[in-house]
Full PDB file with SEQRES, HELIX, SHEET, SSBOND, CRYST1, ORIGX, SCALE, CONECT and MASTER records, all heavy atoms in Angstrom:
SEQRES   1 A   42  TRP GLY LEU VAL THR PHE ARG HIS GLU PHE GLY PHE PHE          
SEQRES   2 A   42  TRP LEU LEU TRP LEU ILE GLY VAL VAL VAL ILE THR ASP          
SEQRES   3 A   42  VAL ALA GLY TYR PHE ALA GLY ARG LEU ILE GLY GLY PRO          
SEQRES   4 A   42  LYS PHE TRP                                                  
HELIX    1 AA1 GLY A    2  PHE A   10  1                                   9    
HELIX    2 AA2 PHE A   12  LEU A   35  1                                  24    
CRYST1    1.000    1.000    1.000  90.00  90.00  90.00 P 1           1          
ORIGX1      1.000000  0.000000  0.000000        0.00000                         
ORIGX2      0.000000  1.000000  0.000000        0.00000                         
ORIGX3      0.000000  0.000000  1.000000        0.00000                         
SCALE1      1.000000  0.000000  0.000000        0.00000                         
SCALE2      0.000000  1.000000  0.000000        0.00000                         
SCALE3      0.000000  0.000000  1.000000        0.00000                         
ATOM      1  N   TRP A   1      -7.421  14.982   3.222  1.00  0.00           N  
ATOM      2  CA  TRP A   1      -8.023  15.255   4.552  1.00  0.00           C  
ATOM      3  C   TRP A   1      -8.195  13.969   5.317  1.00  0.00           C  
ATOM      4  O   TRP A   1      -7.969  13.948   6.565  1.00  0.00           O  
ATOM      5  CB  TRP A   1      -9.407  15.975   4.382  1.00  0.00           C  
ATOM      6  CG  TRP A   1     -10.115  16.053   5.710  1.00  0.00           C  
ATOM      7  CD1 TRP A   1      -9.881  16.729   6.736  1.00  0.00           C  
ATOM      8  CD2 TRP A   1     -11.308  15.347   5.998  1.00  0.00           C  
ATOM      9  NE1 TRP A   1     -10.847  16.683   7.724  1.00  0.00           N  
ATOM     10  CE2 TRP A   1     -11.754  15.748   7.268  1.00  0.00           C  
ATOM     11  CE3 TRP A   1     -12.151  14.419   5.323  1.00  0.00           C  
ATOM     12  CZ2 TRP A   1     -12.851  15.184   7.916  1.00  0.00           C  
ATOM     13  CZ3 TRP A   1     -13.263  13.827   5.937  1.00  0.00           C  
ATOM     14  CH2 TRP A   1     -13.626  14.227   7.232  1.00  0.00           C  
ATOM     15  N   GLY A   2      -8.584  12.849   4.625  1.00  0.00           N  
ATOM     16  CA  GLY A   2      -8.725  11.539   5.345  1.00  0.00           C  
ATOM     17  C   GLY A   2      -7.386  11.228   5.978  1.00  0.00           C  
ATOM     18  O   GLY A   2      -7.300  10.613   7.133  1.00  0.00           O  
ATOM     19  N   LEU A   3      -6.226  11.278   5.258  1.00  0.00           N  
ATOM     20  CA  LEU A   3      -4.958  10.962   5.787  1.00  0.00           C  
ATOM     21  C   LEU A   3      -4.569  11.835   7.100  1.00  0.00           C  
ATOM     22  O   LEU A   3      -4.042  11.205   8.051  1.00  0.00           O  
ATOM     23  CB  LEU A   3      -3.936  11.139   4.757  1.00  0.00           C  
ATOM     24  CG  LEU A   3      -3.925  10.132   3.583  1.00  0.00           C  
ATOM     25  CD1 LEU A   3      -2.896  10.444   2.492  1.00  0.00           C  
ATOM     26  CD2 LEU A   3      -3.614   8.738   4.105  1.00  0.00           C  
ATOM     27  N   VAL A   4      -4.864  13.181   6.957  1.00  0.00           N  
ATOM     28  CA  VAL A   4      -4.613  14.011   8.183  1.00  0.00           C  
ATOM     29  C   VAL A   4      -5.428  13.579   9.327  1.00  0.00           C  
ATOM     30  O   VAL A   4      -4.943  13.547  10.424  1.00  0.00           O  
ATOM     31  CB  VAL A   4      -4.870  15.357   7.710  1.00  0.00           C  
ATOM     32  CG1 VAL A   4      -4.737  16.362   8.905  1.00  0.00           C  
ATOM     33  CG2 VAL A   4      -3.857  15.846   6.581  1.00  0.00           C  
ATOM     34  N   THR A   5      -6.644  13.304   9.018  1.00  0.00           N  
ATOM     35  CA  THR A   5      -7.616  12.978  10.024  1.00  0.00           C  
ATOM     36  C   THR A   5      -7.210  11.601  10.736  1.00  0.00           C  
ATOM     37  O   THR A   5      -7.249  11.429  11.942  1.00  0.00           O  
ATOM     38  CB  THR A   5      -9.081  12.903   9.585  1.00  0.00           C  
ATOM     39  OG1 THR A   5      -9.398  14.081   9.091  1.00  0.00           O  
ATOM     40  CG2 THR A   5     -10.020  12.389  10.712  1.00  0.00           C  
ATOM     41  N   PHE A   6      -6.856  10.646   9.793  1.00  0.00           N  
ATOM     42  CA  PHE A   6      -6.399   9.327  10.321  1.00  0.00           C  
ATOM     43  C   PHE A   6      -5.216   9.540  11.249  1.00  0.00           C  
ATOM     44  O   PHE A   6      -5.105   8.721  12.313  1.00  0.00           O  
ATOM     45  CB  PHE A   6      -6.211   8.436   9.095  1.00  0.00           C  
ATOM     46  CG  PHE A   6      -6.410   7.021   9.439  1.00  0.00           C  
ATOM     47  CD1 PHE A   6      -7.656   6.488   9.622  1.00  0.00           C  
ATOM     48  CD2 PHE A   6      -5.343   6.079   9.500  1.00  0.00           C  
ATOM     49  CE1 PHE A   6      -7.866   5.186   9.881  1.00  0.00           C  
ATOM     50  CE2 PHE A   6      -5.557   4.721   9.790  1.00  0.00           C  
ATOM     51  CZ  PHE A   6      -6.827   4.253   9.884  1.00  0.00           C  
ATOM     52  N   ARG A   7      -4.258  10.356  10.801  1.00  0.00           N  
ATOM     53  CA  ARG A   7      -3.024  10.491  11.673  1.00  0.00           C  
ATOM     54  C   ARG A   7      -3.388  11.264  13.003  1.00  0.00           C  
ATOM     55  O   ARG A   7      -2.815  10.742  14.125  1.00  0.00           O  
ATOM     56  CB  ARG A   7      -1.984  11.466  10.950  1.00  0.00           C  
ATOM     57  CG  ARG A   7      -0.830  11.773  11.740  1.00  0.00           C  
ATOM     58  CD  ARG A   7       0.050  10.600  12.115  1.00  0.00           C  
ATOM     59  NE  ARG A   7       1.156  10.962  12.849  1.00  0.00           N  
ATOM     60  CZ  ARG A   7       1.315  11.064  14.262  1.00  0.00           C  
ATOM     61  NH1 ARG A   7       0.220  10.853  14.942  1.00  0.00           N  
ATOM     62  NH2 ARG A   7       2.500  11.350  14.820  1.00  0.00           N  
ATOM     63  N   HIS A   8      -4.410  12.200  13.002  1.00  0.00           N  
ATOM     64  CA  HIS A   8      -4.627  12.921  14.197  1.00  0.00           C  
ATOM     65  C   HIS A   8      -5.476  12.131  15.180  1.00  0.00           C  
ATOM     66  O   HIS A   8      -5.277  12.062  16.389  1.00  0.00           O  
ATOM     67  CB  HIS A   8      -5.374  14.161  13.780  1.00  0.00           C  
ATOM     68  CG  HIS A   8      -5.843  15.012  15.010  1.00  0.00           C  
ATOM     69  ND1 HIS A   8      -5.030  15.637  15.821  1.00  0.00           N  
ATOM     70  CD2 HIS A   8      -7.118  15.175  15.434  1.00  0.00           C  
ATOM     71  CE1 HIS A   8      -5.724  16.191  16.760  1.00  0.00           C  
ATOM     72  NE2 HIS A   8      -7.035  16.002  16.625  1.00  0.00           N  
ATOM     73  N   GLU A   9      -6.453  11.314  14.597  1.00  0.00           N  
ATOM     74  CA  GLU A   9      -7.407  10.659  15.322  1.00  0.00           C  
ATOM     75  C   GLU A   9      -6.899   9.260  15.916  1.00  0.00           C  
ATOM     76  O   GLU A   9      -7.147   8.849  17.032  1.00  0.00           O  
ATOM     77  CB  GLU A   9      -8.781  10.448  14.591  1.00  0.00           C  
ATOM     78  CG  GLU A   9      -9.511  11.628  14.305  1.00  0.00           C  
ATOM     79  CD  GLU A   9     -10.030  12.491  15.531  1.00  0.00           C  
ATOM     80  OE1 GLU A   9     -10.351  11.757  16.502  1.00  0.00           O  
ATOM     81  OE2 GLU A   9     -10.142  13.652  15.455  1.00  0.00           O  
ATOM     82  N   PHE A  10      -6.220   8.514  15.065  1.00  0.00           N  
ATOM     83  CA  PHE A  10      -5.894   7.155  15.381  1.00  0.00           C  
ATOM     84  C   PHE A  10      -4.320   6.936  15.636  1.00  0.00           C  
ATOM     85  O   PHE A  10      -3.952   5.860  15.985  1.00  0.00           O  
ATOM     86  CB  PHE A  10      -6.280   6.206  14.274  1.00  0.00           C  
ATOM     87  CG  PHE A  10      -7.737   6.379  13.879  1.00  0.00           C  
ATOM     88  CD1 PHE A  10      -8.242   6.433  12.649  1.00  0.00           C  
ATOM     89  CD2 PHE A  10      -8.710   6.501  14.926  1.00  0.00           C  
ATOM     90  CE1 PHE A  10      -9.568   6.471  12.324  1.00  0.00           C  
ATOM     91  CE2 PHE A  10     -10.076   6.591  14.684  1.00  0.00           C  
ATOM     92  CZ  PHE A  10     -10.413   6.577  13.280  1.00  0.00           C  
ATOM     93  N   GLY A  11      -3.518   7.956  15.364  1.00  0.00           N  
ATOM     94  CA  GLY A  11      -2.097   7.948  15.697  1.00  0.00           C  
ATOM     95  C   GLY A  11      -1.239   7.336  14.594  1.00  0.00           C  
ATOM     96  O   GLY A  11      -1.555   6.961  13.554  1.00  0.00           O  
ATOM     97  N   PHE A  12       0.071   7.442  15.083  1.00  0.00           N  
ATOM     98  CA  PHE A  12       1.158   7.154  14.084  1.00  0.00           C  
ATOM     99  C   PHE A  12       1.048   5.705  13.650  1.00  0.00           C  
ATOM    100  O   PHE A  12       1.317   5.425  12.482  1.00  0.00           O  
ATOM    101  CB  PHE A  12       2.520   7.340  14.936  1.00  0.00           C  
ATOM    102  CG  PHE A  12       3.732   6.747  14.218  1.00  0.00           C  
ATOM    103  CD1 PHE A  12       4.147   7.343  13.052  1.00  0.00           C  
ATOM    104  CD2 PHE A  12       4.257   5.602  14.745  1.00  0.00           C  
ATOM    105  CE1 PHE A  12       5.338   6.823  12.495  1.00  0.00           C  
ATOM    106  CE2 PHE A  12       5.426   5.074  14.132  1.00  0.00           C  
ATOM    107  CZ  PHE A  12       5.933   5.701  12.871  1.00  0.00           C  
ATOM    108  N   PHE A  13       0.940   4.683  14.531  1.00  0.00           N  
ATOM    109  CA  PHE A  13       0.998   3.254  14.053  1.00  0.00           C  
ATOM    110  C   PHE A  13      -0.054   2.843  13.117  1.00  0.00           C  
ATOM    111  O   PHE A  13       0.206   2.132  12.227  1.00  0.00           O  
ATOM    112  CB  PHE A  13       1.054   2.432  15.328  1.00  0.00           C  
ATOM    113  CG  PHE A  13       2.308   2.492  16.049  1.00  0.00           C  
ATOM    114  CD1 PHE A  13       2.383   3.125  17.302  1.00  0.00           C  
ATOM    115  CD2 PHE A  13       3.454   1.785  15.552  1.00  0.00           C  
ATOM    116  CE1 PHE A  13       3.571   3.293  18.063  1.00  0.00           C  
ATOM    117  CE2 PHE A  13       4.671   2.088  16.293  1.00  0.00           C  
ATOM    118  CZ  PHE A  13       4.749   2.728  17.501  1.00  0.00           C  
ATOM    119  N   TRP A  14      -1.211   3.458  13.313  1.00  0.00           N  
ATOM    120  CA  TRP A  14      -2.331   2.970  12.406  1.00  0.00           C  
ATOM    121  C   TRP A  14      -2.057   3.752  10.940  1.00  0.00           C  
ATOM    122  O   TRP A  14      -2.402   2.985  10.025  1.00  0.00           O  
ATOM    123  CB  TRP A  14      -3.667   3.462  12.926  1.00  0.00           C  
ATOM    124  CG  TRP A  14      -4.165   2.535  13.904  1.00  0.00           C  
ATOM    125  CD1 TRP A  14      -4.136   2.619  15.296  1.00  0.00           C  
ATOM    126  CD2 TRP A  14      -4.714   1.179  13.597  1.00  0.00           C  
ATOM    127  NE1 TRP A  14      -4.662   1.418  15.847  1.00  0.00           N  
ATOM    128  CE2 TRP A  14      -5.078   0.648  14.896  1.00  0.00           C  
ATOM    129  CE3 TRP A  14      -5.082   0.522  12.529  1.00  0.00           C  
ATOM    130  CZ2 TRP A  14      -5.633  -0.713  14.930  1.00  0.00           C  
ATOM    131  CZ3 TRP A  14      -5.666  -0.762  12.545  1.00  0.00           C  
ATOM    132  CH2 TRP A  14      -5.939  -1.277  13.740  1.00  0.00           C  
ATOM    133  N   LEU A  15      -1.593   4.848  10.892  1.00  0.00           N  
ATOM    134  CA  LEU A  15      -1.251   5.450   9.639  1.00  0.00           C  
ATOM    135  C   LEU A  15      -0.033   4.687   8.999  1.00  0.00           C  
ATOM    136  O   LEU A  15       0.012   4.508   7.841  1.00  0.00           O  
ATOM    137  CB  LEU A  15      -0.895   6.867   9.818  1.00  0.00           C  
ATOM    138  CG  LEU A  15      -0.583   7.682   8.542  1.00  0.00           C  
ATOM    139  CD1 LEU A  15      -1.876   7.670   7.572  1.00  0.00           C  
ATOM    140  CD2 LEU A  15      -0.329   9.186   8.700  1.00  0.00           C  
ATOM    141  N   LEU A  16       0.795   4.274   9.850  1.00  0.00           N  
ATOM    142  CA  LEU A  16       2.026   3.430   9.396  1.00  0.00           C  
ATOM    143  C   LEU A  16       1.466   2.147   8.834  1.00  0.00           C  
ATOM    144  O   LEU A  16       1.970   1.740   7.719  1.00  0.00           O  
ATOM    145  CB  LEU A  16       2.922   3.151  10.567  1.00  0.00           C  
ATOM    146  CG  LEU A  16       4.189   2.318  10.177  1.00  0.00           C  
ATOM    147  CD1 LEU A  16       5.108   3.192   9.262  1.00  0.00           C  
ATOM    148  CD2 LEU A  16       4.991   1.976  11.458  1.00  0.00           C  
ATOM    149  N   TRP A  17       0.482   1.525   9.386  1.00  0.00           N  
ATOM    150  CA  TRP A  17      -0.081   0.336   8.857  1.00  0.00           C  
ATOM    151  C   TRP A  17      -0.760   0.608   7.397  1.00  0.00           C  
ATOM    152  O   TRP A  17      -0.483  -0.018   6.475  1.00  0.00           O  
ATOM    153  CB  TRP A  17      -1.246  -0.191   9.703  1.00  0.00           C  
ATOM    154  CG  TRP A  17      -2.183  -1.135   9.069  1.00  0.00           C  
ATOM    155  CD1 TRP A  17      -1.966  -2.369   8.790  1.00  0.00           C  
ATOM    156  CD2 TRP A  17      -3.446  -0.806   8.638  1.00  0.00           C  
ATOM    157  NE1 TRP A  17      -3.041  -2.918   8.142  1.00  0.00           N  
ATOM    158  CE2 TRP A  17      -3.972  -2.026   8.144  1.00  0.00           C  
ATOM    159  CE3 TRP A  17      -4.305   0.258   8.706  1.00  0.00           C  
ATOM    160  CZ2 TRP A  17      -5.324  -2.047   7.592  1.00  0.00           C  
ATOM    161  CZ3 TRP A  17      -5.590   0.275   8.208  1.00  0.00           C  
ATOM    162  CH2 TRP A  17      -6.103  -0.898   7.640  1.00  0.00           C  
ATOM    163  N   LEU A  18      -1.490   1.619   7.324  1.00  0.00           N  
ATOM    164  CA  LEU A  18      -2.106   2.139   6.082  1.00  0.00           C  
ATOM    165  C   LEU A  18      -1.040   2.273   4.911  1.00  0.00           C  
ATOM    166  O   LEU A  18      -1.240   1.745   3.887  1.00  0.00           O  
ATOM    167  CB  LEU A  18      -3.023   3.321   6.240  1.00  0.00           C  
ATOM    168  CG  LEU A  18      -3.865   3.847   5.075  1.00  0.00           C  
ATOM    169  CD1 LEU A  18      -5.033   4.503   5.645  1.00  0.00           C  
ATOM    170  CD2 LEU A  18      -3.176   4.692   4.032  1.00  0.00           C  
ATOM    171  N   ILE A  19       0.004   3.093   5.215  1.00  0.00           N  
ATOM    172  CA  ILE A  19       0.941   3.366   4.345  1.00  0.00           C  
ATOM    173  C   ILE A  19       1.774   2.052   3.952  1.00  0.00           C  
ATOM    174  O   ILE A  19       2.063   1.797   2.848  1.00  0.00           O  
ATOM    175  CB  ILE A  19       1.946   4.495   4.743  1.00  0.00           C  
ATOM    176  CG1 ILE A  19       1.149   5.740   4.970  1.00  0.00           C  
ATOM    177  CG2 ILE A  19       3.139   4.638   3.871  1.00  0.00           C  
ATOM    178  CD1 ILE A  19       1.921   6.920   5.518  1.00  0.00           C  
ATOM    179  N   GLY A  20       1.960   1.257   5.042  1.00  0.00           N  
ATOM    180  CA  GLY A  20       2.739   0.036   4.794  1.00  0.00           C  
ATOM    181  C   GLY A  20       2.003  -0.925   3.837  1.00  0.00           C  
ATOM    182  O   GLY A  20       2.671  -1.522   2.954  1.00  0.00           O  
ATOM    183  N   VAL A  21       0.717  -1.057   4.003  1.00  0.00           N  
ATOM    184  CA  VAL A  21      -0.048  -1.881   3.031  1.00  0.00           C  
ATOM    185  C   VAL A  21       0.058  -1.354   1.668  1.00  0.00           C  
ATOM    186  O   VAL A  21       0.171  -2.109   0.668  1.00  0.00           O  
ATOM    187  CB  VAL A  21      -1.508  -1.934   3.520  1.00  0.00           C  
ATOM    188  CG1 VAL A  21      -2.411  -2.495   2.418  1.00  0.00           C  
ATOM    189  CG2 VAL A  21      -1.718  -2.785   4.745  1.00  0.00           C  
ATOM    190  N   VAL A  22      -0.046  -0.115   1.407  1.00  0.00           N  
ATOM    191  CA  VAL A  22       0.049   0.578   0.146  1.00  0.00           C  
ATOM    192  C   VAL A  22       1.450   0.314  -0.540  1.00  0.00           C  
ATOM    193  O   VAL A  22       1.528  -0.133  -1.669  1.00  0.00           O  
ATOM    194  CB  VAL A  22      -0.275   2.148   0.131  1.00  0.00           C  
ATOM    195  CG1 VAL A  22      -0.001   2.621  -1.166  1.00  0.00           C  
ATOM    196  CG2 VAL A  22      -1.728   2.258   0.580  1.00  0.00           C  
ATOM    197  N   VAL A  23       2.473   0.577   0.291  1.00  0.00           N  
ATOM    198  CA  VAL A  23       3.859   0.363  -0.182  1.00  0.00           C  
ATOM    199  C   VAL A  23       4.141  -1.100  -0.610  1.00  0.00           C  
ATOM    200  O   VAL A  23       4.636  -1.386  -1.602  1.00  0.00           O  
ATOM    201  CB  VAL A  23       4.816   0.901   0.781  1.00  0.00           C  
ATOM    202  CG1 VAL A  23       6.305   0.458   0.363  1.00  0.00           C  
ATOM    203  CG2 VAL A  23       4.779   2.346   0.937  1.00  0.00           C  
ATOM    204  N   ILE A  24       3.716  -1.974   0.402  1.00  0.00           N  
ATOM    205  CA  ILE A  24       4.044  -3.429   0.033  1.00  0.00           C  
ATOM    206  C   ILE A  24       3.115  -3.917  -1.151  1.00  0.00           C  
ATOM    207  O   ILE A  24       3.629  -4.766  -1.906  1.00  0.00           O  
ATOM    208  CB  ILE A  24       3.743  -4.309   1.320  1.00  0.00           C  
ATOM    209  CG1 ILE A  24       4.763  -3.968   2.363  1.00  0.00           C  
ATOM    210  CG2 ILE A  24       3.767  -5.760   0.938  1.00  0.00           C  
ATOM    211  CD1 ILE A  24       6.155  -4.190   2.023  1.00  0.00           C  
ATOM    212  N   THR A  25       1.986  -3.486  -1.275  1.00  0.00           N  
ATOM    213  CA  THR A  25       1.131  -3.880  -2.416  1.00  0.00           C  
ATOM    214  C   THR A  25       1.911  -3.349  -3.688  1.00  0.00           C  
ATOM    215  O   THR A  25       1.945  -4.074  -4.680  1.00  0.00           O  
ATOM    216  CB  THR A  25      -0.186  -3.126  -2.390  1.00  0.00           C  
ATOM    217  OG1 THR A  25      -0.954  -3.644  -1.183  1.00  0.00           O  
ATOM    218  CG2 THR A  25      -1.082  -3.399  -3.624  1.00  0.00           C  
ATOM    219  N   ASP A  26       2.395  -2.172  -3.767  1.00  0.00           N  
ATOM    220  CA  ASP A  26       3.086  -1.686  -4.927  1.00  0.00           C  
ATOM    221  C   ASP A  26       4.371  -2.426  -5.139  1.00  0.00           C  
ATOM    222  O   ASP A  26       4.663  -2.723  -6.330  1.00  0.00           O  
ATOM    223  CB  ASP A  26       3.341  -0.190  -4.684  1.00  0.00           C  
ATOM    224  CG  ASP A  26       4.016   0.475  -6.000  1.00  0.00           C  
ATOM    225  OD1 ASP A  26       3.372   0.409  -7.094  1.00  0.00           O  
ATOM    226  OD2 ASP A  26       5.236   0.939  -5.880  1.00  0.00           O  
ATOM    227  N   VAL A  27       5.229  -2.664  -4.160  1.00  0.00           N  
ATOM    228  CA  VAL A  27       6.427  -3.416  -4.407  1.00  0.00           C  
ATOM    229  C   VAL A  27       6.204  -4.819  -4.781  1.00  0.00           C  
ATOM    230  O   VAL A  27       6.914  -5.148  -5.753  1.00  0.00           O  
ATOM    231  CB  VAL A  27       7.352  -3.315  -3.173  1.00  0.00           C  
ATOM    232  CG1 VAL A  27       8.593  -4.187  -3.152  1.00  0.00           C  
ATOM    233  CG2 VAL A  27       7.645  -1.812  -2.693  1.00  0.00           C  
ATOM    234  N   ALA A  28       5.354  -5.485  -4.095  1.00  0.00           N  
ATOM    235  CA  ALA A  28       5.095  -6.895  -4.448  1.00  0.00           C  
ATOM    236  C   ALA A  28       4.479  -6.949  -5.838  1.00  0.00           C  
ATOM    237  O   ALA A  28       4.818  -7.888  -6.673  1.00  0.00           O  
ATOM    238  CB  ALA A  28       4.130  -7.535  -3.382  1.00  0.00           C  
ATOM    239  N   GLY A  29       3.670  -6.081  -6.170  1.00  0.00           N  
ATOM    240  CA  GLY A  29       2.967  -6.085  -7.587  1.00  0.00           C  
ATOM    241  C   GLY A  29       4.063  -5.799  -8.501  1.00  0.00           C  
ATOM    242  O   GLY A  29       4.110  -6.405  -9.669  1.00  0.00           O  
ATOM    243  N   TYR A  30       4.972  -4.928  -8.302  1.00  0.00           N  
ATOM    244  CA  TYR A  30       6.064  -4.536  -9.300  1.00  0.00           C  
ATOM    245  C   TYR A  30       6.920  -5.804  -9.628  1.00  0.00           C  
ATOM    246  O   TYR A  30       7.165  -6.044 -10.775  1.00  0.00           O  
ATOM    247  CB  TYR A  30       6.984  -3.374  -8.747  1.00  0.00           C  
ATOM    248  CG  TYR A  30       8.077  -3.023  -9.607  1.00  0.00           C  
ATOM    249  CD1 TYR A  30       7.887  -2.075 -10.707  1.00  0.00           C  
ATOM    250  CD2 TYR A  30       9.305  -3.515  -9.462  1.00  0.00           C  
ATOM    251  CE1 TYR A  30       9.041  -1.733 -11.444  1.00  0.00           C  
ATOM    252  CE2 TYR A  30      10.477  -3.150 -10.177  1.00  0.00           C  
ATOM    253  CZ  TYR A  30      10.249  -2.281 -11.266  1.00  0.00           C  
ATOM    254  OH  TYR A  30      11.301  -1.966 -12.052  1.00  0.00           O  
ATOM    255  N   PHE A  31       7.497  -6.422  -8.572  1.00  0.00           N  
ATOM    256  CA  PHE A  31       8.380  -7.529  -8.816  1.00  0.00           C  
ATOM    257  C   PHE A  31       7.721  -8.758  -9.329  1.00  0.00           C  
ATOM    258  O   PHE A  31       8.225  -9.484 -10.137  1.00  0.00           O  
ATOM    259  CB  PHE A  31       9.145  -7.817  -7.455  1.00  0.00           C  
ATOM    260  CG  PHE A  31      10.202  -6.828  -7.178  1.00  0.00           C  
ATOM    261  CD1 PHE A  31      10.111  -5.774  -6.310  1.00  0.00           C  
ATOM    262  CD2 PHE A  31      11.445  -6.936  -7.904  1.00  0.00           C  
ATOM    263  CE1 PHE A  31      11.040  -4.871  -5.978  1.00  0.00           C  
ATOM    264  CE2 PHE A  31      12.344  -5.922  -7.674  1.00  0.00           C  
ATOM    265  CZ  PHE A  31      12.330  -4.939  -6.742  1.00  0.00           C  
ATOM    266  N   ALA A  32       6.482  -9.070  -8.749  1.00  0.00           N  
ATOM    267  CA  ALA A  32       5.799 -10.223  -9.219  1.00  0.00           C  
ATOM    268  C   ALA A  32       5.378 -10.105 -10.716  1.00  0.00           C  
ATOM    269  O   ALA A  32       5.356 -11.054 -11.407  1.00  0.00           O  
ATOM    270  CB  ALA A  32       4.586 -10.564  -8.339  1.00  0.00           C  
ATOM    271  N   GLY A  33       4.981  -8.917 -11.034  1.00  0.00           N  
ATOM    272  CA  GLY A  33       4.566  -8.657 -12.356  1.00  0.00           C  
ATOM    273  C   GLY A  33       5.689  -8.862 -13.309  1.00  0.00           C  
ATOM    274  O   GLY A  33       5.459  -9.310 -14.500  1.00  0.00           O  
ATOM    275  N   ARG A  34       6.805  -8.483 -12.953  1.00  0.00           N  
ATOM    276  CA  ARG A  34       8.021  -8.599 -13.961  1.00  0.00           C  
ATOM    277  C   ARG A  34       8.651  -9.960 -13.842  1.00  0.00           C  
ATOM    278  O   ARG A  34       9.161 -10.433 -14.816  1.00  0.00           O  
ATOM    279  CB  ARG A  34       8.951  -7.467 -13.634  1.00  0.00           C  
ATOM    280  CG  ARG A  34       8.526  -6.120 -14.157  1.00  0.00           C  
ATOM    281  CD  ARG A  34       9.305  -4.935 -13.539  1.00  0.00           C  
ATOM    282  NE  ARG A  34       8.924  -3.676 -14.128  1.00  0.00           N  
ATOM    283  CZ  ARG A  34       7.781  -3.151 -14.055  1.00  0.00           C  
ATOM    284  NH1 ARG A  34       6.805  -3.690 -13.330  1.00  0.00           N  
ATOM    285  NH2 ARG A  34       7.502  -1.959 -14.716  1.00  0.00           N  
ATOM    286  N   LEU A  35       8.607 -10.575 -12.656  1.00  0.00           N  
ATOM    287  CA  LEU A  35       9.285 -11.997 -12.563  1.00  0.00           C  
ATOM    288  C   LEU A  35       8.275 -13.039 -13.171  1.00  0.00           C  
ATOM    289  O   LEU A  35       8.723 -13.952 -13.753  1.00  0.00           O  
ATOM    290  CB  LEU A  35       9.562 -12.217 -11.127  1.00  0.00           C  
ATOM    291  CG  LEU A  35      10.763 -11.351 -10.581  1.00  0.00           C  
ATOM    292  CD1 LEU A  35      10.909 -11.629  -9.054  1.00  0.00           C  
ATOM    293  CD2 LEU A  35      12.075 -11.796 -11.239  1.00  0.00           C  
ATOM    294  N   ILE A  36       7.011 -12.895 -12.809  1.00  0.00           N  
ATOM    295  CA  ILE A  36       6.051 -13.958 -13.206  1.00  0.00           C  
ATOM    296  C   ILE A  36       5.320 -13.534 -14.498  1.00  0.00           C  
ATOM    297  O   ILE A  36       5.113 -14.441 -15.370  1.00  0.00           O  
ATOM    298  CB  ILE A  36       5.083 -14.137 -11.971  1.00  0.00           C  
ATOM    299  CG1 ILE A  36       5.774 -14.534 -10.804  1.00  0.00           C  
ATOM    300  CG2 ILE A  36       4.038 -15.227 -12.354  1.00  0.00           C  
ATOM    301  CD1 ILE A  36       4.987 -14.711  -9.511  1.00  0.00           C  
ATOM    302  N   GLY A  37       4.800 -12.308 -14.475  1.00  0.00           N  
ATOM    303  CA  GLY A  37       4.057 -11.959 -15.659  1.00  0.00           C  
ATOM    304  C   GLY A  37       2.743 -12.647 -15.753  1.00  0.00           C  
ATOM    305  O   GLY A  37       2.009 -12.758 -14.711  1.00  0.00           O  
ATOM    306  N   GLY A  38       2.331 -12.959 -16.931  1.00  0.00           N  
ATOM    307  CA  GLY A  38       1.140 -13.731 -17.065  1.00  0.00           C  
ATOM    308  C   GLY A  38      -0.125 -12.839 -17.588  1.00  0.00           C  
ATOM    309  O   GLY A  38       0.155 -11.769 -18.035  1.00  0.00           O  
ATOM    310  N   PRO A  39      -1.306 -13.259 -17.423  1.00  0.00           N  
ATOM    311  CA  PRO A  39      -2.485 -12.508 -17.849  1.00  0.00           C  
ATOM    312  C   PRO A  39      -2.665 -11.153 -17.291  1.00  0.00           C  
ATOM    313  O   PRO A  39      -2.243 -10.926 -16.085  1.00  0.00           O  
ATOM    314  CB  PRO A  39      -3.703 -13.412 -17.365  1.00  0.00           C  
ATOM    315  CG  PRO A  39      -3.075 -14.801 -17.226  1.00  0.00           C  
ATOM    316  CD  PRO A  39      -1.692 -14.499 -16.697  1.00  0.00           C  
ATOM    317  N   LYS A  40      -3.087 -10.233 -18.101  1.00  0.00           N  
ATOM    318  CA  LYS A  40      -3.326  -8.813 -17.619  1.00  0.00           C  
ATOM    319  C   LYS A  40      -4.491  -8.779 -16.770  1.00  0.00           C  
ATOM    320  O   LYS A  40      -5.556  -9.340 -16.995  1.00  0.00           O  
ATOM    321  CB  LYS A  40      -3.348  -7.892 -18.729  1.00  0.00           C  
ATOM    322  CG  LYS A  40      -2.180  -7.955 -19.746  1.00  0.00           C  
ATOM    323  CD  LYS A  40      -0.882  -7.582 -19.069  1.00  0.00           C  
ATOM    324  CE  LYS A  40       0.302  -7.622 -20.077  1.00  0.00           C  
ATOM    325  NZ  LYS A  40       1.591  -7.279 -19.325  1.00  0.00           N  
ATOM    326  N   PHE A  41      -4.379  -7.895 -15.696  1.00  0.00           N  
ATOM    327  CA  PHE A  41      -5.528  -7.608 -14.901  1.00  0.00           C  
ATOM    328  C   PHE A  41      -6.632  -6.894 -15.446  1.00  0.00           C  
ATOM    329  O   PHE A  41      -7.873  -7.283 -15.511  1.00  0.00           O  
ATOM    330  CB  PHE A  41      -5.081  -6.911 -13.592  1.00  0.00           C  
ATOM    331  CG  PHE A  41      -6.084  -6.561 -12.577  1.00  0.00           C  
ATOM    332  CD1 PHE A  41      -6.560  -7.482 -11.698  1.00  0.00           C  
ATOM    333  CD2 PHE A  41      -6.571  -5.266 -12.481  1.00  0.00           C  
ATOM    334  CE1 PHE A  41      -7.661  -7.222 -10.918  1.00  0.00           C  
ATOM    335  CE2 PHE A  41      -7.590  -5.012 -11.611  1.00  0.00           C  
ATOM    336  CZ  PHE A  41      -8.174  -5.919 -10.735  1.00  0.00           C  
ATOM    337  N   TRP A  42      -6.389  -5.858 -16.193  1.00  0.00           N  
ATOM    338  CA  TRP A  42      -7.343  -4.934 -16.865  1.00  0.00           C  
ATOM    339  C   TRP A  42      -6.708  -4.198 -17.984  1.00  0.00           C  
ATOM    340  O   TRP A  42      -6.350  -3.096 -18.030  1.00  0.00           O  
ATOM    341  CB  TRP A  42      -7.974  -3.929 -15.880  1.00  0.00           C  
ATOM    342  CG  TRP A  42      -9.322  -3.379 -16.344  1.00  0.00           C  
ATOM    343  CD1 TRP A  42      -9.895  -3.298 -17.550  1.00  0.00           C  
ATOM    344  CD2 TRP A  42     -10.242  -2.673 -15.460  1.00  0.00           C  
ATOM    345  NE1 TRP A  42     -11.011  -2.740 -17.476  1.00  0.00           N  
ATOM    346  CE2 TRP A  42     -11.298  -2.321 -16.189  1.00  0.00           C  
ATOM    347  CE3 TRP A  42     -10.206  -2.358 -14.063  1.00  0.00           C  
ATOM    348  CZ2 TRP A  42     -12.415  -1.622 -15.703  1.00  0.00           C  
ATOM    349  CZ3 TRP A  42     -11.272  -1.735 -13.594  1.00  0.00           C  
ATOM    350  CH2 TRP A  42     -12.394  -1.363 -14.312  1.00  0.00           C  
TER     351      TRP A  42                                                      
MASTER        0    0    0    2    0    0    0    6  350    1    0    4          
END                                                                             
């Protein structure tokens, strides 16, 4: 419901920002975790 409300109330570009942050976080984490490795987060 929050995603639907965010799209309706704040528009396309703000939802694009939210999704963009989530996607980049996942992609950057995937590649950095495999290329660099190191201590585990949890």
